[in-house]
Structures are given as structure tokens and as C-alpha cells.
Amino acid sequence: MHILADLFANRQFQTIAFVQMTMVFGNNMLNPVLPIHFKMIGLNEAQIGFAMGIISLGALVLRPWSGMSADIKGSRFTLLLGQLLTGAGIAAFLWASGFWALLLVRFFQGIAVSFYGTGAVTYASSVGTRENASAAIAYFSLFTMIGLGIGTSTGPFIYQSVGFTPVVAVALTAAVCATAFMFFRSEPSPPRAAGARTPFRAVLAAKVVLAPSACLFASNFALGTMFTFVPLLALAAGIGGFSAFFVAFSIAVVLARLGVQTINERLSAVKISVGASLLNAASTLLVAAIPSTHVFAVSGVLIGFGFGIIYPTLAGYLVQNVKEANKGSALSILSGAGDIGNALGASVLGVVAHTLGFTAVFSSAGAVILVSTLYFHLALRGQAAPR
């Protein structure tokens, strides 16, 4: 409780928590809506998968630069740049309508995600001491999940009530407000000394970075698959109430983030992450086996807890096991692996959905998660982040 009280009394933590919640809220109003919107304007499942997944390719391409930007210029600069790019990407939906235009907008959004996401988590991890960095990331990510929950729950409601343009307008307003709040209320974050940094390639090759990145890849592969294809499966099968998945996910993921610090104090990061990955796999395989409204809800609970636990656990593990001067680069690699998972879960499985159907989509997702998690376990078994 002492760590929690210190964090919430910290002005900088208050600032980044509010900014993160607001930015995630705006972005995730759009995410559940976009697959349906794309379908309504004439895109097929393969095109929808590419359009949803290419955002992660855009983020991946710029991850090395966003990580070095956070290490060299400071996380506040990187974060603000990402916020400006995010606002521009959201606004572009007001006139982008064709497949290629939407691909370009989504790729640009990925660039924005790269800079904002890396800057935000690096900024949050610097609020407290190195020892309580895991707690800072965990409670910072709690606000991520609050924003995610509110956004994914209200976005479909607004879309079904008044259409797509109002969803874009609310998301853009949230991004503008969060950017102004960060600019006027936050303090600059100090850049790192260049001589103290390990080269980016050496950071990438380190087992303590590569193995957690593989584990997050699996988690985001599951999430990207579920967020893109649960609504499309419901539409194709005539299953009403696909929003049950998003509501259940939203509740579970917030509860998971509330308890993740307690779990991390009792178990090793490796064991926690393996368990969370198995929850993600169970979620995808359950939908593959018996899709229904009730199963969507149960699946949302499973992946909500799995996803809610795994990211702060892995990010905290990295912060405690890499050099301080390479923290931004290490976290950008971790996030980049998540980007790859999101991209493949949406784009590659979009082709699978178009050719083999939705059962193959969710079964394939479960298999990928299990293989990636096995590698993570074998690479780091017996190791635990220092307490």
C-alpha cells in the first residue's frame, strides 16, 4: 500500500495516468467499430484483416527509432510527438473511404502508436524508483485498461446509435484534450547519456529481452485475432450480442490490472506470464469450438485476465533486468513484438478466415500462442526478476 500511496500522490504519475486513460479511450472507441464499418463500405474479410493489421506494421517499422528517441531525447518528447500523430491519424478517417486510403491511414496510425506507446510506458516507468518500476507500470497499465474498457464498450453503442462520424469526433476530442493536458501539466523527462547505452542490436539479442518479447507476441496475437474476428464471426453466424465479449473483457482486464502487483510479489514473472498465456489460448480455442453469445462472454473474461496480467509483468521484468540507459529501447522491442502479434493476428488470419473459415482462425491463434509460450518458458525457466 505504501508504493501505491506514493505513486498516486506523485503529480507526474497522476498526469501520465490520466493521459494514458484518455488516449486509450479514444483509440479503442474505434477498434471494435472499424471491422464492421469496413465491411459496410464493401471490404471483404481479407481486406479487413490487412487494414486492421497494418497499424502494427507501421508501429513495428518505427519502434527502433521511438525507443532511441525516448532514450536520447526523453520520454516526454517522444510521447507528445506520438499524441500529435495520433490525432492526425484519427482525423483522417473523416475522409478516407477506399481500401488503399484506409491502409495508408492505418499504417500512419501505427507510426503514431510507436512513438506514443514507447514514450508513455517509459515515462511511467521513470516516475518512481527502479525498484518500484514494476508497480508503476502495473498501475499505469490499470488506467490503460480503464480507458480500453470504456472505449470498447461505448464505441459500438455510439456507432449503432448515431453512426461512424460521431465515434471519430469523440475519439479525436479525447486525443486533443490528452495532448493539451500532457503539454501543460507534465515536466520534461531527462535524456540518457549516449555513452551509457548498449547498441540497439545488442539489446534486441539479449535473452531477457527476446524471450519476453516472444511471450507478448503471443498475447497480442490472441488479442488482435479476437478483437478483429469475434465481431465478424457474430455477423456471419447471426449471433447477436457480440458486445458481450468486449464488456466481459473490459471488466476482467481492469480487475486483472488491480491485482497484478500482488501476484508479482508472490510468483516469478516467468510463471505468471506462462499462466496468463494459457488463459489467452483457452479463450481462442473456446470460441473455435462452440461460438455463442455466452461463450463470447466467457472468452472475454479469460483473455481479459490473461492480457491484463501479462503486459505489466513482462514490462516490469524488462525494466529490472536491462540497463537504465536502455530502458526505452528494451520496452520498444517488447512493444514491437506485440505489434507483430497484432499485425499477424489480424492480417494473416484474415486470409485464413476468407479461405478456411472462422474455426480455423481461432484454432490457429491458439496454436501460435502455445508454441510461443513454450519457447518463452524454455528460454527463461528458473529465472525471476529481482525483487
Protein backbone atom coordinates (compact mmCIF):
# COMPACT_ATOMS: atom_id res chain seq x y z
CA MET A 1 0.00 0.00 0.00
CA HIS A 2 2.94 2.31 0.64
CA ILE A 3 4.07 2.10 -3.00
CA LEU A 4 0.52 2.67 -4.22
CA ALA A 5 0.06 5.73 -2.00
CA ASP A 6 3.39 7.22 -3.12
CA LEU A 7 2.53 6.73 -6.79
CA PHE A 8 -0.90 8.29 -6.63
CA ALA A 9 0.46 11.26 -4.67
CA ASN A 10 3.02 11.88 -7.44
CA ARG A 11 1.97 14.67 -9.81
CA GLN A 12 3.78 13.08 -12.74
CA PHE A 13 2.07 9.75 -12.20
CA GLN A 14 -1.30 11.48 -11.96
CA THR A 15 -0.58 13.19 -15.28
CA ILE A 16 0.53 10.12 -17.22
CA ALA A 17 -2.30 8.02 -15.76
CA PHE A 18 -4.95 10.49 -16.94
CA VAL A 19 -3.28 10.97 -20.32
CA GLN A 20 -3.00 7.23 -20.92
CA MET A 21 -6.59 6.56 -19.93
CA THR A 22 -7.86 9.31 -22.24
CA MET A 23 -5.71 8.35 -25.23
CA VAL A 24 -6.58 4.66 -24.93
CA PHE A 25 -10.26 5.53 -24.55
CA GLY A 26 -10.23 7.49 -27.81
CA ASN A 27 -8.32 4.88 -29.81
CA ASN A 28 -10.40 1.99 -28.54
CA MET A 29 -13.71 3.57 -29.32
CA LEU A 30 -12.71 2.93 -32.93
CA ASN A 31 -11.19 -0.56 -32.70
CA PRO A 32 -14.39 -2.63 -32.22
CA VAL A 33 -16.21 -0.46 -34.76
CA LEU A 34 -13.72 -0.49 -37.62
CA PRO A 35 -14.18 -4.13 -38.78
CA ILE A 36 -17.95 -3.61 -39.07
CA HIS A 37 -17.52 -0.18 -40.69
CA PHE A 38 -15.06 -1.61 -43.21
CA LYS A 39 -17.48 -4.44 -44.01
CA MET A 40 -20.33 -1.99 -44.51
CA ILE A 41 -18.34 0.06 -47.03
CA GLY A 42 -17.55 -3.02 -49.13
CA LEU A 43 -14.28 -4.55 -47.91
CA ASN A 44 -14.03 -8.35 -47.73
CA GLU A 45 -12.60 -10.32 -44.79
CA ALA A 46 -9.07 -10.46 -46.22
CA GLN A 47 -9.04 -6.71 -46.87
CA ILE A 48 -10.42 -6.04 -43.38
CA GLY A 49 -7.69 -8.19 -41.87
CA PHE A 50 -4.97 -6.30 -43.73
CA ALA A 51 -6.49 -2.92 -42.84
CA MET A 52 -6.73 -3.84 -39.17
CA GLY A 53 -3.29 -5.44 -39.01
CA ILE A 54 -1.21 -2.91 -40.92
CA ILE A 55 -1.31 -0.49 -37.99
CA SER A 56 1.02 -2.89 -36.22
CA LEU A 57 3.37 -2.95 -39.21
CA GLY A 58 3.56 0.84 -39.09
CA ALA A 59 4.34 0.68 -35.38
CA LEU A 60 6.93 -2.04 -35.87
CA VAL A 61 8.86 -0.18 -38.55
CA LEU A 62 9.37 2.84 -36.27
CA ARG A 63 9.92 1.01 -32.95
CA PRO A 64 13.74 1.24 -33.02
CA TRP A 65 13.57 5.00 -33.60
CA SER A 66 10.89 5.54 -30.99
CA GLY A 67 12.94 3.61 -28.42
CA MET A 68 16.09 5.56 -29.20
CA SER A 69 14.07 8.79 -29.14
CA ALA A 70 12.92 8.01 -25.59
CA ASP A 71 16.49 7.17 -24.52
CA ILE A 72 18.15 10.15 -26.21
CA LYS A 73 15.57 12.97 -26.27
CA GLY A 74 13.49 11.90 -23.30
CA SER A 75 10.17 10.12 -22.99
CA ARG A 76 8.08 13.30 -22.74
CA PHE A 77 9.21 14.50 -26.18
CA THR A 78 8.51 11.07 -27.69
CA LEU A 79 5.11 10.86 -26.01
CA LEU A 80 3.96 14.30 -27.19
CA LEU A 81 5.07 13.58 -30.75
CA GLY A 82 3.06 10.37 -30.68
CA GLN A 83 -0.01 12.23 -29.41
CA LEU A 84 0.13 14.74 -32.26
CA LEU A 85 0.45 11.95 -34.80
CA THR A 86 -2.41 10.04 -33.16
CA GLY A 87 -4.76 12.99 -33.51
CA ALA A 88 -3.89 13.38 -37.17
CA GLY A 89 -4.48 9.66 -37.79
CA ILE A 90 -7.92 9.69 -36.15
CA ALA A 91 -8.98 12.80 -38.09
CA ALA A 92 -8.01 11.11 -41.37
CA PHE A 93 -10.95 8.70 -41.03
CA LEU A 94 -13.27 11.62 -41.77
CA TRP A 95 -12.33 11.45 -45.45
CA ALA A 96 -10.59 8.07 -46.04
CA SER A 97 -13.03 5.54 -47.53
CA GLY A 98 -11.34 3.28 -50.13
CA PHE A 99 -9.23 0.24 -49.29
CA TRP A 100 -5.86 1.79 -50.17
CA ALA A 101 -6.64 5.06 -48.41
CA LEU A 102 -7.64 3.15 -45.28
CA LEU A 103 -4.44 1.09 -45.45
CA LEU A 104 -2.42 4.31 -45.54
CA VAL A 105 -4.33 5.80 -42.61
CA ARG A 106 -3.91 2.65 -40.53
CA PHE A 107 -0.17 2.48 -41.33
CA PHE A 108 0.18 6.11 -40.24
CA GLN A 109 -1.69 5.28 -37.04
CA GLY A 110 0.92 2.60 -36.40
CA ILE A 111 3.68 5.20 -36.57
CA ALA A 112 1.77 7.25 -34.02
CA VAL A 113 1.32 4.22 -31.77
CA SER A 114 5.05 3.53 -31.91
CA PHE A 115 6.05 6.93 -30.58
CA TYR A 116 3.18 7.40 -28.16
CA GLY A 117 3.29 3.88 -26.68
CA THR A 118 7.05 3.82 -26.18
CA GLY A 119 7.09 7.33 -24.73
CA ALA A 120 4.19 6.67 -22.38
CA VAL A 121 5.42 3.44 -20.80
CA THR A 122 8.99 4.76 -20.49
CA TYR A 123 7.68 7.93 -18.85
CA ALA A 124 5.55 5.87 -16.43
CA SER A 125 8.46 3.58 -15.52
CA SER A 126 10.56 6.65 -14.62
CA VAL A 127 8.06 8.11 -12.16
CA GLY A 128 9.25 6.11 -9.16
CA THR A 129 12.44 4.29 -8.25
CA ARG A 130 13.87 1.38 -10.26
CA GLU A 131 12.73 -0.98 -7.51
CA ASN A 132 9.07 0.02 -7.79
CA ALA A 133 9.10 0.37 -11.59
CA SER A 134 7.03 -2.81 -11.90
CA ALA A 135 4.35 -1.32 -9.63
CA ALA A 136 4.40 1.96 -11.57
CA ILE A 137 3.90 0.12 -14.86
CA ALA A 138 1.20 -2.11 -13.36
CA TYR A 139 -0.90 0.77 -12.05
CA PHE A 140 -0.18 2.87 -15.14
CA SER A 141 -1.47 -0.02 -17.22
CA LEU A 142 -4.54 -0.21 -14.98
CA PHE A 143 -5.54 3.16 -16.44
CA THR A 144 -4.82 1.71 -19.87
CA MET A 145 -7.40 -0.95 -19.17
CA ILE A 146 -9.92 1.53 -17.77
CA GLY A 147 -9.64 3.55 -20.97
CA LEU A 148 -9.75 0.37 -23.04
CA GLY A 149 -12.83 -0.87 -21.22
CA ILE A 150 -14.76 2.37 -21.52
CA GLY A 151 -13.72 2.83 -25.16
CA THR A 152 -14.52 -0.69 -26.36
CA SER A 153 -17.85 -0.64 -24.51
CA THR A 154 -19.07 2.79 -25.66
CA GLY A 155 -17.70 2.79 -29.22
CA PRO A 156 -20.13 0.14 -30.56
CA PHE A 157 -23.02 1.79 -28.70
CA ILE A 158 -22.35 5.19 -30.30
CA TYR A 159 -21.80 3.61 -33.70
CA GLN A 160 -25.07 1.68 -33.59
CA SER A 161 -26.96 4.74 -32.29
CA VAL A 162 -25.67 7.63 -34.41
CA GLY A 163 -23.11 6.30 -36.90
CA PHE A 164 -19.38 6.29 -37.58
CA THR A 165 -18.57 10.02 -37.80
CA PRO A 166 -19.61 10.79 -34.19
CA VAL A 167 -17.33 7.98 -32.99
CA VAL A 168 -14.42 9.62 -34.83
CA ALA A 169 -15.35 13.03 -33.41
CA VAL A 170 -15.35 11.79 -29.80
CA ALA A 171 -12.06 9.90 -30.30
CA LEU A 172 -10.40 12.98 -31.79
CA THR A 173 -11.64 15.19 -28.96
CA ALA A 174 -10.14 12.77 -26.42
CA ALA A 175 -6.75 12.84 -28.19
CA VAL A 176 -6.68 16.66 -28.34
CA CYS A 177 -7.59 17.01 -24.65
CA ALA A 178 -4.98 14.45 -23.58
CA THR A 179 -2.26 16.17 -25.62
CA ALA A 180 -3.04 19.56 -24.09
CA PHE A 181 -3.07 18.07 -20.59
CA MET A 182 0.32 16.39 -21.11
CA PHE A 183 1.90 19.51 -22.59
CA PHE A 184 0.83 21.91 -19.86
CA ARG A 185 0.98 19.69 -16.77
CA SER A 186 3.98 17.37 -17.21
CA GLU A 187 7.65 18.02 -16.53
CA PRO A 188 10.41 17.21 -19.03
CA SER A 189 12.00 13.79 -18.69
CA PRO A 190 15.80 13.78 -18.80
CA PRO A 191 17.51 12.15 -21.80
CA ARG A 192 20.03 9.36 -21.24
CA ALA A 193 23.77 9.75 -21.72
CA ALA A 194 24.74 8.28 -25.10
CA GLY A 195 27.91 6.68 -23.75
CA ALA A 196 25.97 4.61 -21.22
CA ARG A 197 23.71 2.98 -23.80
CA THR A 198 24.21 -0.51 -25.24
CA PRO A 199 23.71 -0.66 -29.04
CA PHE A 200 20.13 -1.43 -30.07
CA ARG A 201 21.05 -4.72 -31.77
CA ALA A 202 22.73 -5.99 -28.60
CA VAL A 203 19.63 -5.16 -26.58
CA LEU A 204 17.47 -6.98 -29.13
CA ALA A 205 19.64 -10.11 -28.98
CA ALA A 206 19.61 -10.37 -25.18
CA LYS A 207 17.61 -13.36 -23.94
CA VAL A 208 15.99 -11.31 -21.16
CA VAL A 209 14.52 -9.06 -23.88
CA LEU A 210 13.88 -11.56 -26.68
CA ALA A 211 12.02 -14.21 -24.65
CA PRO A 212 9.55 -11.79 -23.00
CA SER A 213 9.00 -10.24 -26.42
CA ALA A 214 8.03 -13.66 -27.82
CA CYS A 215 5.58 -14.07 -24.95
CA LEU A 216 3.97 -10.68 -25.58
CA PHE A 217 3.84 -11.51 -29.28
CA ALA A 218 1.63 -14.47 -28.39
CA SER A 219 -0.60 -12.38 -26.13
CA ASN A 220 -1.17 -9.69 -28.72
CA PHE A 221 -1.65 -12.29 -31.45
CA ALA A 222 -4.57 -13.58 -29.42
CA LEU A 223 -5.97 -10.13 -28.72
CA GLY A 224 -5.67 -8.95 -32.32
CA THR A 225 -7.43 -12.09 -33.51
CA MET A 226 -10.27 -11.80 -31.02
CA PHE A 227 -10.87 -8.07 -31.48
CA THR A 228 -10.97 -8.38 -35.28
CA PHE A 229 -12.79 -11.65 -35.83
CA VAL A 230 -15.26 -12.05 -32.95
CA PRO A 231 -17.49 -9.28 -34.42
CA LEU A 232 -17.14 -10.75 -37.92
CA LEU A 233 -17.91 -14.28 -36.68
CA ALA A 234 -21.00 -12.98 -34.89
CA LEU A 235 -22.13 -11.16 -38.04
CA ALA A 236 -21.57 -14.19 -40.29
CA ALA A 237 -23.21 -16.68 -37.93
CA GLY A 238 -26.12 -14.47 -36.96
CA ILE A 239 -25.08 -14.45 -33.30
CA GLY A 240 -26.48 -11.38 -31.59
CA GLY A 241 -24.73 -9.51 -28.82
CA PHE A 242 -21.06 -9.80 -29.78
CA SER A 243 -20.55 -6.82 -27.45
CA ALA A 244 -20.76 -9.38 -24.59
CA PHE A 245 -17.16 -10.27 -25.44
CA PHE A 246 -15.97 -6.67 -25.18
CA VAL A 247 -17.89 -5.93 -21.98
CA ALA A 248 -16.60 -9.10 -20.30
CA PHE A 249 -13.08 -8.36 -21.50
CA SER A 250 -13.26 -4.81 -20.19
CA ILE A 251 -14.32 -5.85 -16.70
CA ALA A 252 -11.83 -8.71 -16.45
CA VAL A 253 -8.86 -6.74 -17.70
CA VAL A 254 -9.40 -3.96 -15.15
CA LEU A 255 -9.71 -6.48 -12.32
CA ALA A 256 -6.54 -8.19 -13.53
CA ARG A 257 -4.55 -4.97 -13.52
CA LEU A 258 -5.80 -4.19 -10.00
CA GLY A 259 -4.37 -7.47 -8.73
CA VAL A 260 -1.28 -7.89 -10.88
CA GLN A 261 1.12 -6.25 -8.43
CA THR A 262 0.05 -8.62 -5.65
CA ILE A 263 0.56 -11.59 -7.95
CA ASN A 264 4.02 -10.32 -8.98
CA GLU A 265 5.07 -10.10 -5.34
CA ARG A 266 4.33 -13.79 -4.80
CA LEU A 267 5.33 -15.56 -8.02
CA SER A 268 8.08 -15.23 -10.61
CA ALA A 269 7.43 -13.23 -13.75
CA VAL A 270 8.05 -16.34 -15.87
CA LYS A 271 5.41 -18.44 -14.12
CA ILE A 272 2.89 -15.60 -14.14
CA SER A 273 3.38 -14.96 -17.84
CA VAL A 274 3.05 -18.63 -18.79
CA GLY A 275 -0.20 -18.87 -16.84
CA ALA A 276 -1.57 -15.72 -18.46
CA SER A 277 -0.66 -17.02 -21.92
CA LEU A 278 -2.56 -20.24 -21.27
CA LEU A 279 -5.65 -18.19 -20.42
CA ASN A 280 -5.28 -16.41 -23.77
CA ALA A 281 -5.00 -19.73 -25.59
CA ALA A 282 -8.06 -21.11 -23.80
CA SER A 283 -10.04 -18.05 -24.88
CA THR A 284 -9.33 -18.54 -28.59
CA LEU A 285 -9.87 -22.31 -28.54
CA LEU A 286 -13.18 -21.96 -26.72
CA VAL A 287 -14.55 -19.65 -29.42
CA ALA A 288 -13.25 -22.02 -32.10
CA ALA A 289 -15.12 -24.93 -30.52
CA ILE A 290 -18.53 -23.54 -29.52
CA PRO A 291 -19.22 -19.93 -30.59
CA SER A 292 -22.24 -18.32 -28.94
CA THR A 293 -23.10 -15.17 -27.03
CA HIS A 294 -22.43 -16.88 -23.69
CA VAL A 295 -19.13 -18.31 -24.92
CA PHE A 296 -18.13 -14.85 -26.14
CA ALA A 297 -18.63 -13.58 -22.60
CA VAL A 298 -16.59 -16.40 -21.02
CA SER A 299 -13.88 -15.97 -23.65
CA GLY A 300 -13.76 -12.25 -22.92
CA VAL A 301 -13.19 -12.98 -19.23
CA LEU A 302 -10.36 -15.43 -19.98
CA ILE A 303 -8.44 -13.18 -22.35
CA GLY A 304 -9.20 -10.17 -20.18
CA PHE A 305 -7.38 -11.76 -17.25
CA GLY A 306 -4.64 -13.16 -19.48
CA PHE A 307 -3.92 -9.93 -21.30
CA GLY A 308 -4.39 -7.85 -18.17
CA ILE A 309 -1.74 -9.75 -16.27
CA ILE A 310 0.87 -10.38 -18.92
CA TYR A 311 1.93 -6.93 -20.15
CA PRO A 312 2.79 -5.24 -16.83
CA THR A 313 4.51 -8.43 -15.69
CA LEU A 314 6.74 -8.60 -18.76
CA ALA A 315 7.42 -4.85 -18.84
CA GLY A 316 8.38 -4.86 -15.16
CA TYR A 317 10.65 -7.84 -15.77
CA LEU A 318 12.45 -5.95 -18.53
CA VAL A 319 12.88 -2.75 -16.54
CA GLN A 320 14.50 -4.69 -13.71
CA ASN A 321 16.80 -6.69 -15.99
CA VAL A 322 18.18 -4.17 -18.50
CA LYS A 323 20.42 -1.15 -18.07
CA GLU A 324 18.63 2.07 -17.15
CA ALA A 325 20.02 3.81 -20.24
CA ASN A 326 18.49 1.13 -22.49
CA LYS A 327 15.07 1.06 -20.90
CA GLY A 328 13.35 2.87 -23.76
CA SER A 329 14.92 0.58 -26.37
CA ALA A 330 14.06 -2.59 -24.44
CA LEU A 331 10.46 -1.50 -23.93
CA SER A 332 10.18 -0.54 -27.60
CA ILE A 333 11.33 -4.06 -28.58
CA LEU A 334 8.76 -5.58 -26.25
CA SER A 335 6.04 -3.37 -27.70
CA GLY A 336 7.28 -4.11 -31.22
CA ALA A 337 6.79 -7.82 -30.62
CA GLY A 338 3.25 -7.02 -29.55
CA ASP A 339 2.82 -5.07 -32.78
CA ILE A 340 3.90 -8.10 -34.80
CA GLY A 341 1.38 -10.21 -32.93
CA ASN A 342 -1.41 -7.75 -33.61
CA ALA A 343 -0.46 -7.50 -37.28
CA LEU A 344 -0.30 -11.23 -37.90
CA GLY A 345 -3.39 -11.96 -35.83
CA ALA A 346 -5.44 -9.61 -37.98
CA SER A 347 -3.84 -9.69 -41.45
CA VAL A 348 -2.62 -13.28 -41.92
CA LEU A 349 -5.67 -14.76 -40.23
CA GLY A 350 -7.84 -12.52 -42.40
CA VAL A 351 -6.74 -14.67 -45.34
CA VAL A 352 -7.44 -17.80 -43.27
CA ALA A 353 -10.95 -16.51 -42.50
CA HIS A 354 -11.59 -15.77 -46.16
CA THR A 355 -10.46 -19.23 -47.32
CA LEU A 356 -10.95 -21.69 -44.45
CA GLY A 357 -13.47 -20.05 -42.14
CA PHE A 358 -13.56 -18.78 -38.60
CA THR A 359 -12.98 -22.08 -36.79
CA ALA A 360 -9.57 -22.30 -38.46
CA VAL A 361 -8.84 -18.70 -37.46
CA PHE A 362 -9.34 -19.20 -33.74
CA SER A 363 -7.73 -22.67 -33.71
CA SER A 364 -4.64 -21.28 -35.46
CA ALA A 365 -4.44 -18.45 -32.94
CA GLY A 366 -4.49 -20.92 -30.06
CA ALA A 367 -1.71 -22.99 -31.64
CA VAL A 368 0.54 -19.96 -32.18
CA ILE A 369 0.08 -18.88 -28.57
CA LEU A 370 1.03 -22.32 -27.23
CA VAL A 371 4.18 -22.56 -29.38
CA SER A 372 5.37 -19.05 -28.46
CA THR A 373 4.72 -19.65 -24.78
CA LEU A 374 6.68 -22.90 -24.84
CA TYR A 375 9.72 -21.03 -26.22
CA PHE A 376 9.38 -18.37 -23.52
CA HIS A 377 9.19 -20.99 -20.76
CA LEU A 378 12.20 -22.96 -22.03
CA ALA A 379 14.30 -19.81 -22.51
CA LEU A 380 13.73 -18.34 -19.04
CA ARG A 381 12.75 -21.22 -16.80
CA GLY A 382 14.34 -20.94 -13.39
CA GLN A 383 14.87 -17.21 -13.80
CA ALA A 384 12.94 -14.50 -12.00
CA ALA A 385 13.19 -10.76 -11.98
CA PRO A 386 14.96 -9.46 -8.89
CA ARG A 387 12.68 -8.18 -6.18
